[in-house]
């Protein structure tokens, strides 16, 4: 049976699994966890149930809440992932050998527009200035 993880991996889409910790405002001892996947907009927009992240601050990052069965699948296969962030707000996991952050930053660099200044010939070094 295919699941969201298999489908993304089959299409070579890099993603990360996030676990947000939400503390109750009424009782400081109670917290809830939300599990969701983040991926690059260009890879998942309009597919697999991904939508624009409402409060992420990253316009090219889309997210999808995990269903109970998807969350269970993730928890069963956690040995395939590396924890890359762990703080009071939650955790982020990436597939071993597939860094979502590196992939996202690489795509962000490639998508920067390089414009030719007026009256100046564009040199190959000018193309790489925005990356270096």
C-alpha atoms as a PDB file:
ATOM      1  CA  UNK A   1       0.000   0.000   0.000  1.00  0.00           C
ATOM      2  CA  UNK A   2       1.388   3.414  -1.004  1.00  0.00           C
ATOM      3  CA  UNK A   3       1.568   6.195   1.522  1.00  0.00           C
ATOM      4  CA  UNK A   4       2.617   9.839   1.287  1.00  0.00           C
ATOM      5  CA  UNK A   5       6.219   8.988   2.171  1.00  0.00           C
ATOM      6  CA  UNK A   6       6.523   6.375  -0.602  1.00  0.00           C
ATOM      7  CA  UNK A   7       4.931   8.701  -3.153  1.00  0.00           C
ATOM      8  CA  UNK A   8       7.271  11.599  -2.339  1.00  0.00           C
ATOM      9  CA  UNK A   9      10.338   9.360  -2.357  1.00  0.00           C
ATOM     10  CA  UNK A  10       9.289   7.701  -5.622  1.00  0.00           C
ATOM     11  CA  UNK A  11       9.257  11.150  -7.261  1.00  0.00           C
ATOM     12  CA  UNK A  12      12.552  12.157  -5.571  1.00  0.00           C
ATOM     13  CA  UNK A  13      10.855  14.955  -3.635  1.00  0.00           C
ATOM     14  CA  UNK A  14      12.878  16.050  -0.624  1.00  0.00           C
ATOM     15  CA  UNK A  15      10.803  16.646   2.505  1.00  0.00           C
ATOM     16  CA  UNK A  16      11.030  16.968   6.263  1.00  0.00           C
ATOM     17  CA  UNK A  17       8.685  15.724   8.968  1.00  0.00           C
ATOM     18  CA  UNK A  18       7.908  18.242  11.705  1.00  0.00           C
ATOM     19  CA  UNK A  19       6.488  17.618  15.155  1.00  0.00           C
ATOM     20  CA  UNK A  20       5.111  20.761  16.807  1.00  0.00           C
ATOM     21  CA  UNK A  21       4.591  20.836  20.553  1.00  0.00           C
ATOM     22  CA  UNK A  22       1.566  22.877  21.554  1.00  0.00           C
ATOM     23  CA  UNK A  23       1.146  23.711  25.217  1.00  0.00           C
ATOM     24  CA  UNK A  24      -2.267  24.404  26.642  1.00  0.00           C
ATOM     25  CA  UNK A  25      -2.805  27.961  27.826  1.00  0.00           C
ATOM     26  CA  UNK A  26      -5.062  26.716  30.627  1.00  0.00           C
ATOM     27  CA  UNK A  27      -2.877  23.984  32.107  1.00  0.00           C
ATOM     28  CA  UNK A  28       0.897  24.267  31.753  1.00  0.00           C
ATOM     29  CA  UNK A  29       1.372  20.498  32.147  1.00  0.00           C
ATOM     30  CA  UNK A  30      -0.706  19.472  29.125  1.00  0.00           C
ATOM     31  CA  UNK A  31       0.712  19.564  25.626  1.00  0.00           C
ATOM     32  CA  UNK A  32      -0.343  18.274  22.246  1.00  0.00           C
ATOM     33  CA  UNK A  33       1.715  17.194  19.238  1.00  0.00           C
ATOM     34  CA  UNK A  34       1.004  18.015  15.616  1.00  0.00           C
ATOM     35  CA  UNK A  35       2.744  16.023  12.887  1.00  0.00           C
ATOM     36  CA  UNK A  36       3.132  17.444   9.387  1.00  0.00           C
ATOM     37  CA  UNK A  37       5.359  17.253   6.322  1.00  0.00           C
ATOM     38  CA  UNK A  38       7.021  20.233   4.665  1.00  0.00           C
ATOM     39  CA  UNK A  39       8.248  20.289   1.066  1.00  0.00           C
ATOM     40  CA  UNK A  40       9.237  22.781  -1.595  1.00  0.00           C
ATOM     41  CA  UNK A  41       6.289  24.495  -3.296  1.00  0.00           C
ATOM     42  CA  UNK A  42       7.578  23.708  -6.801  1.00  0.00           C
ATOM     43  CA  UNK A  43       7.492  19.985  -6.021  1.00  0.00           C
ATOM     44  CA  UNK A  44       4.099  19.610  -4.335  1.00  0.00           C
ATOM     45  CA  UNK A  45       1.845  22.611  -5.089  1.00  0.00           C
ATOM     46  CA  UNK A  46      -1.661  21.347  -5.802  1.00  0.00           C
ATOM     47  CA  UNK A  47      -0.725  17.713  -5.161  1.00  0.00           C
ATOM     48  CA  UNK A  48      -0.848  15.224  -2.290  1.00  0.00           C
ATOM     49  CA  UNK A  49      -2.932  17.596  -0.140  1.00  0.00           C
ATOM     50  CA  UNK A  50      -0.119  20.111   0.442  1.00  0.00           C
ATOM     51  CA  UNK A  51      -1.054  23.747   1.025  1.00  0.00           C
ATOM     52  CA  UNK A  52       0.844  26.965   1.634  1.00  0.00           C
ATOM     53  CA  UNK A  53       2.094  27.208   5.197  1.00  0.00           C
ATOM     54  CA  UNK A  54      -0.032  29.805   6.949  1.00  0.00           C
ATOM     55  CA  UNK A  55       2.492  31.038   9.480  1.00  0.00           C
ATOM     56  CA  UNK A  56       5.842  29.604   8.426  1.00  0.00           C
ATOM     57  CA  UNK A  57       7.262  32.817   6.966  1.00  0.00           C
ATOM     58  CA  UNK A  58       8.642  30.824   4.023  1.00  0.00           C
ATOM     59  CA  UNK A  59       6.473  31.359   0.955  1.00  0.00           C
ATOM     60  CA  UNK A  60       8.034  28.471  -0.980  1.00  0.00           C
ATOM     61  CA  UNK A  61       7.427  25.896   1.759  1.00  0.00           C
ATOM     62  CA  UNK A  62       4.192  23.924   1.592  1.00  0.00           C
ATOM     63  CA  UNK A  63       2.896  21.670   4.336  1.00  0.00           C
ATOM     64  CA  UNK A  64       0.547  18.752   4.838  1.00  0.00           C
ATOM     65  CA  UNK A  65      -0.865  17.544   8.149  1.00  0.00           C
ATOM     66  CA  UNK A  66      -0.328  13.837   8.688  1.00  0.00           C
ATOM     67  CA  UNK A  67      -3.348  11.610   9.183  1.00  0.00           C
ATOM     68  CA  UNK A  68      -3.337   9.116  12.045  1.00  0.00           C
ATOM     69  CA  UNK A  69      -2.222   6.302   9.727  1.00  0.00           C
ATOM     70  CA  UNK A  70       0.528   8.474   8.185  1.00  0.00           C
ATOM     71  CA  UNK A  71       1.733   9.460  11.645  1.00  0.00           C
ATOM     72  CA  UNK A  72       1.811   5.786  12.643  1.00  0.00           C
ATOM     73  CA  UNK A  73       3.804   4.960   9.479  1.00  0.00           C
ATOM     74  CA  UNK A  74       6.295   7.707  10.307  1.00  0.00           C
ATOM     75  CA  UNK A  75       6.703   6.520  13.896  1.00  0.00           C
ATOM     76  CA  UNK A  76       7.242   2.926  12.711  1.00  0.00           C
ATOM     77  CA  UNK A  77      10.005   4.000  10.315  1.00  0.00           C
ATOM     78  CA  UNK A  78      11.771   6.656  12.413  1.00  0.00           C
ATOM     79  CA  UNK A  79      15.075   4.810  12.026  1.00  0.00           C
ATOM     80  CA  UNK A  80      15.146   6.087   8.407  1.00  0.00           C
ATOM     81  CA  UNK A  81      15.269   9.697   9.634  1.00  0.00           C
ATOM     82  CA  UNK A  82      17.753  11.990  11.342  1.00  0.00           C
ATOM     83  CA  UNK A  83      16.596  14.502  13.945  1.00  0.00           C
ATOM     84  CA  UNK A  84      17.998  17.828  12.727  1.00  0.00           C
ATOM     85  CA  UNK A  85      16.259  20.162  15.170  1.00  0.00           C
ATOM     86  CA  UNK A  86      14.995  19.701  18.704  1.00  0.00           C
ATOM     87  CA  UNK A  87      13.839  22.603  20.866  1.00  0.00           C
ATOM     88  CA  UNK A  88      10.941  23.676  23.088  1.00  0.00           C
ATOM     89  CA  UNK A  89       8.724  24.209  20.014  1.00  0.00           C
ATOM     90  CA  UNK A  90       9.202  20.733  18.561  1.00  0.00           C
ATOM     91  CA  UNK A  91      11.396  18.578  16.346  1.00  0.00           C
ATOM     92  CA  UNK A  92      12.294  18.286  12.666  1.00  0.00           C
ATOM     93  CA  UNK A  93      13.330  15.041  10.974  1.00  0.00           C
ATOM     94  CA  UNK A  94      14.943  14.589   7.557  1.00  0.00           C
ATOM     95  CA  UNK A  95      15.540  11.402   5.603  1.00  0.00           C
ATOM     96  CA  UNK A  96      19.073  10.161   6.154  1.00  0.00           C
ATOM     97  CA  UNK A  97      21.191  11.444   3.275  1.00  0.00           C
ATOM     98  CA  UNK A  98      18.442  13.795   1.997  1.00  0.00           C
ATOM     99  CA  UNK A  99      18.584  17.209   3.645  1.00  0.00           C
ATOM    100  CA  UNK A 100      15.446  19.261   3.043  1.00  0.00           C
ATOM    101  CA  UNK A 101      17.161  22.404   4.341  1.00  0.00           C
ATOM    102  CA  UNK A 102      20.152  22.033   2.002  1.00  0.00           C
ATOM    103  CA  UNK A 103      17.882  21.286  -0.943  1.00  0.00           C
ATOM    104  CA  UNK A 104      15.639  24.259  -0.130  1.00  0.00           C
ATOM    105  CA  UNK A 105      18.610  26.634   0.209  1.00  0.00           C
ATOM    106  CA  UNK A 106      20.161  25.324  -3.019  1.00  0.00           C
ATOM    107  CA  UNK A 107      16.908  25.910  -4.921  1.00  0.00           C
ATOM    108  CA  UNK A 108      16.587  29.359  -3.380  1.00  0.00           C
ATOM    109  CA  UNK A 109      20.067  30.265  -4.672  1.00  0.00           C
ATOM    110  CA  UNK A 110      19.377  28.932  -8.175  1.00  0.00           C
ATOM    111  CA  UNK A 111      16.114  30.854  -8.398  1.00  0.00           C
ATOM    112  CA  UNK A 112      17.760  34.219  -7.708  1.00  0.00           C
ATOM    113  CA  UNK A 113      17.624  36.405 -10.790  1.00  0.00           C
ATOM    114  CA  UNK A 114      20.877  37.748 -12.148  1.00  0.00           C
ATOM    115  CA  UNK A 115      20.418  41.009 -13.999  1.00  0.00           C
ATOM    116  CA  UNK A 116      22.852  42.638 -16.337  1.00  0.00           C
ATOM    117  CA  UNK A 117      23.817  46.144 -15.223  1.00  0.00           C
ATOM    118  CA  UNK A 118      23.391  48.754 -17.963  1.00  0.00           C
ATOM    119  CA  UNK A 119      26.503  49.374 -20.012  1.00  0.00           C
ATOM    120  CA  UNK A 120      28.411  46.428 -18.556  1.00  0.00           C
ATOM    121  CA  UNK A 121      29.081  43.074 -20.136  1.00  0.00           C
ATOM    122  CA  UNK A 122      27.914  40.210 -17.942  1.00  0.00           C
ATOM    123  CA  UNK A 123      30.847  37.976 -17.051  1.00  0.00           C
ATOM    124  CA  UNK A 124      30.671  34.362 -15.832  1.00  0.00           C
ATOM    125  CA  UNK A 125      31.958  35.551 -12.438  1.00  0.00           C
ATOM    126  CA  UNK A 126      28.943  37.884 -12.178  1.00  0.00           C
ATOM    127  CA  UNK A 127      26.660  34.861 -12.453  1.00  0.00           C
ATOM    128  CA  UNK A 128      28.219  33.280  -9.389  1.00  0.00           C
ATOM    129  CA  UNK A 129      28.435  36.399  -7.210  1.00  0.00           C
ATOM    130  CA  UNK A 130      24.882  35.914  -5.969  1.00  0.00           C
ATOM    131  CA  UNK A 131      25.686  32.329  -4.979  1.00  0.00           C
ATOM    132  CA  UNK A 132      29.029  32.962  -3.272  1.00  0.00           C
END
